[in-house]
Amino acid sequence: MLKIRLARAGKRNSPFFRVVLTEHTAPSKSGYKEVLGFFNPISKEFKINNLEAIKKYVSHGAQLSPRVEKLMKTNNIAL
């Protein structure tokens, strides 16, 4: 099953996350299929690069992680 979740990509004490499409059994830091956006928790910036791709993957059975779903709701991004 595919999942859309966060993968950490920042340095120590400077977190930065990518919104990625990955297999649910894959480790969170490696093995993702596509980068769909990013989240910077320091500046509270959340951006989705390709919303149409997320809609397509969700319609084909991919699931959003709870954190990504919450970020999309707080930033008024509807599927």
C-alpha atoms as a PDB file:
ATOM      1  CA  MET A   1       0.000   0.000   0.000  1.00  0.00           C
ATOM      2  CA  LEU A   2       1.273   3.470  -0.856  1.00  0.00           C
ATOM      3  CA  LYS A   3       1.410   6.217   1.751  1.00  0.00           C
ATOM      4  CA  ILE A   4       1.934   9.956   1.544  1.00  0.00           C
ATOM      5  CA  ARG A   5       4.014  10.958   4.546  1.00  0.00           C
ATOM      6  CA  LEU A   6       6.851  13.162   5.783  1.00  0.00           C
ATOM      7  CA  ALA A   7      10.539  12.284   5.356  1.00  0.00           C
ATOM      8  CA  ARG A   8      13.094  14.268   7.328  1.00  0.00           C
ATOM      9  CA  ALA A   9      15.766  15.957   5.224  1.00  0.00           C
ATOM     10  CA  GLY A  10      17.270  18.638   7.457  1.00  0.00           C
ATOM     11  CA  LYS A  11      20.407  19.018   9.534  1.00  0.00           C
ATOM     12  CA  ARG A  12      20.662  18.565  13.269  1.00  0.00           C
ATOM     13  CA  ASN A  13      18.690  21.299  15.081  1.00  0.00           C
ATOM     14  CA  SER A  14      17.358  22.492  11.724  1.00  0.00           C
ATOM     15  CA  PRO A  15      14.490  20.177  10.736  1.00  0.00           C
ATOM     16  CA  PHE A  16      13.079  20.145   7.219  1.00  0.00           C
ATOM     17  CA  PHE A  17      10.624  17.611   5.867  1.00  0.00           C
ATOM     18  CA  ARG A  18       9.654  16.456   2.389  1.00  0.00           C
ATOM     19  CA  VAL A  19       6.158  15.225   1.596  1.00  0.00           C
ATOM     20  CA  VAL A  20       6.831  11.953  -0.203  1.00  0.00           C
ATOM     21  CA  LEU A  21       4.994   9.047  -1.769  1.00  0.00           C
ATOM     22  CA  THR A  22       6.374   5.753  -0.492  1.00  0.00           C
ATOM     23  CA  GLU A  23       5.514   2.156   0.248  1.00  0.00           C
ATOM     24  CA  HIS A  24       4.149   1.863   3.784  1.00  0.00           C
ATOM     25  CA  THR A  25       6.785  -0.718   4.783  1.00  0.00           C
ATOM     26  CA  ALA A  26       9.769   1.319   3.509  1.00  0.00           C
ATOM     27  CA  PRO A  27      11.961   3.238   5.983  1.00  0.00           C
ATOM     28  CA  SER A  28      10.979   6.880   6.281  1.00  0.00           C
ATOM     29  CA  LYS A  29      14.364   8.261   5.170  1.00  0.00           C
ATOM     30  CA  SER A  30      14.851   6.187   2.034  1.00  0.00           C
ATOM     31  CA  GLY A  31      13.083   4.499  -0.806  1.00  0.00           C
ATOM     32  CA  TYR A  32      10.438   7.036  -1.731  1.00  0.00           C
ATOM     33  CA  LYS A  33       8.946   7.108  -5.205  1.00  0.00           C
ATOM     34  CA  GLU A  34       8.157  10.806  -5.615  1.00  0.00           C
ATOM     35  CA  VAL A  35       8.592  14.100  -3.752  1.00  0.00           C
ATOM     36  CA  LEU A  36       5.252  15.924  -3.626  1.00  0.00           C
ATOM     37  CA  GLY A  37       6.029  18.938  -1.438  1.00  0.00           C
ATOM     38  CA  PHE A  38       7.817  20.144   1.695  1.00  0.00           C
ATOM     39  CA  PHE A  39       7.249  21.342   5.251  1.00  0.00           C
ATOM     40  CA  ASN A  40       9.511  23.651   7.247  1.00  0.00           C
ATOM     41  CA  PRO A  41       8.445  23.509  10.925  1.00  0.00           C
ATOM     42  CA  ILE A  42      10.623  26.469  11.912  1.00  0.00           C
ATOM     43  CA  SER A  43       8.949  28.952   9.553  1.00  0.00           C
ATOM     44  CA  LYS A  44       5.664  26.932   9.490  1.00  0.00           C
ATOM     45  CA  GLU A  45       5.832  26.868   5.690  1.00  0.00           C
ATOM     46  CA  PHE A  46       3.941  24.018   4.018  1.00  0.00           C
ATOM     47  CA  LYS A  47       3.817  23.722   0.232  1.00  0.00           C
ATOM     48  CA  ILE A  48       2.474  21.073  -2.106  1.00  0.00           C
ATOM     49  CA  ASN A  49       4.176  21.130  -5.507  1.00  0.00           C
ATOM     50  CA  ASN A  50       1.663  19.003  -7.383  1.00  0.00           C
ATOM     51  CA  LEU A  51      -1.812  18.766  -5.845  1.00  0.00           C
ATOM     52  CA  GLU A  52      -3.161  16.931  -8.883  1.00  0.00           C
ATOM     53  CA  ALA A  53      -0.652  14.122  -8.338  1.00  0.00           C
ATOM     54  CA  ILE A  54      -1.756  13.758  -4.708  1.00  0.00           C
ATOM     55  CA  LYS A  55      -5.404  13.612  -5.783  1.00  0.00           C
ATOM     56  CA  LYS A  56      -4.540  10.949  -8.353  1.00  0.00           C
ATOM     57  CA  TYR A  57      -2.631   8.791  -5.864  1.00  0.00           C
ATOM     58  CA  VAL A  58      -5.355   9.090  -3.223  1.00  0.00           C
ATOM     59  CA  SER A  59      -8.022   8.109  -5.752  1.00  0.00           C
ATOM     60  CA  HIS A  60      -5.942   5.026  -6.608  1.00  0.00           C
ATOM     61  CA  GLY A  61      -5.753   3.946  -2.953  1.00  0.00           C
ATOM     62  CA  ALA A  62      -2.818   5.800  -1.379  1.00  0.00           C
ATOM     63  CA  GLN A  63      -3.367   6.985   2.182  1.00  0.00           C
ATOM     64  CA  LEU A  64      -2.286  10.224   3.830  1.00  0.00           C
ATOM     65  CA  SER A  65      -0.423  10.004   7.110  1.00  0.00           C
ATOM     66  CA  PRO A  66      -2.198  11.708  10.020  1.00  0.00           C
ATOM     67  CA  ARG A  67       0.394  14.511  10.151  1.00  0.00           C
ATOM     68  CA  VAL A  68       0.163  15.286   6.414  1.00  0.00           C
ATOM     69  CA  GLU A  69      -3.628  15.230   6.622  1.00  0.00           C
ATOM     70  CA  LYS A  70      -3.546  17.672   9.552  1.00  0.00           C
ATOM     71  CA  LEU A  71      -1.127  20.001   7.728  1.00  0.00           C
ATOM     72  CA  MET A  72      -3.358  20.030   4.662  1.00  0.00           C
ATOM     73  CA  LYS A  73      -6.410  20.903   6.782  1.00  0.00           C
ATOM     74  CA  THR A  74      -4.670  23.725   8.632  1.00  0.00           C
ATOM     75  CA  ASN A  75      -3.455  25.222   5.332  1.00  0.00           C
ATOM     76  CA  ASN A  76      -6.892  24.881   3.673  1.00  0.00           C
ATOM     77  CA  ILE A  77      -5.764  22.434   1.004  1.00  0.00           C
ATOM     78  CA  ALA A  78      -8.713  20.232   0.082  1.00  0.00           C
ATOM     79  CA  LEU A  79      -8.608  16.982  -1.838  1.00  0.00           C
END
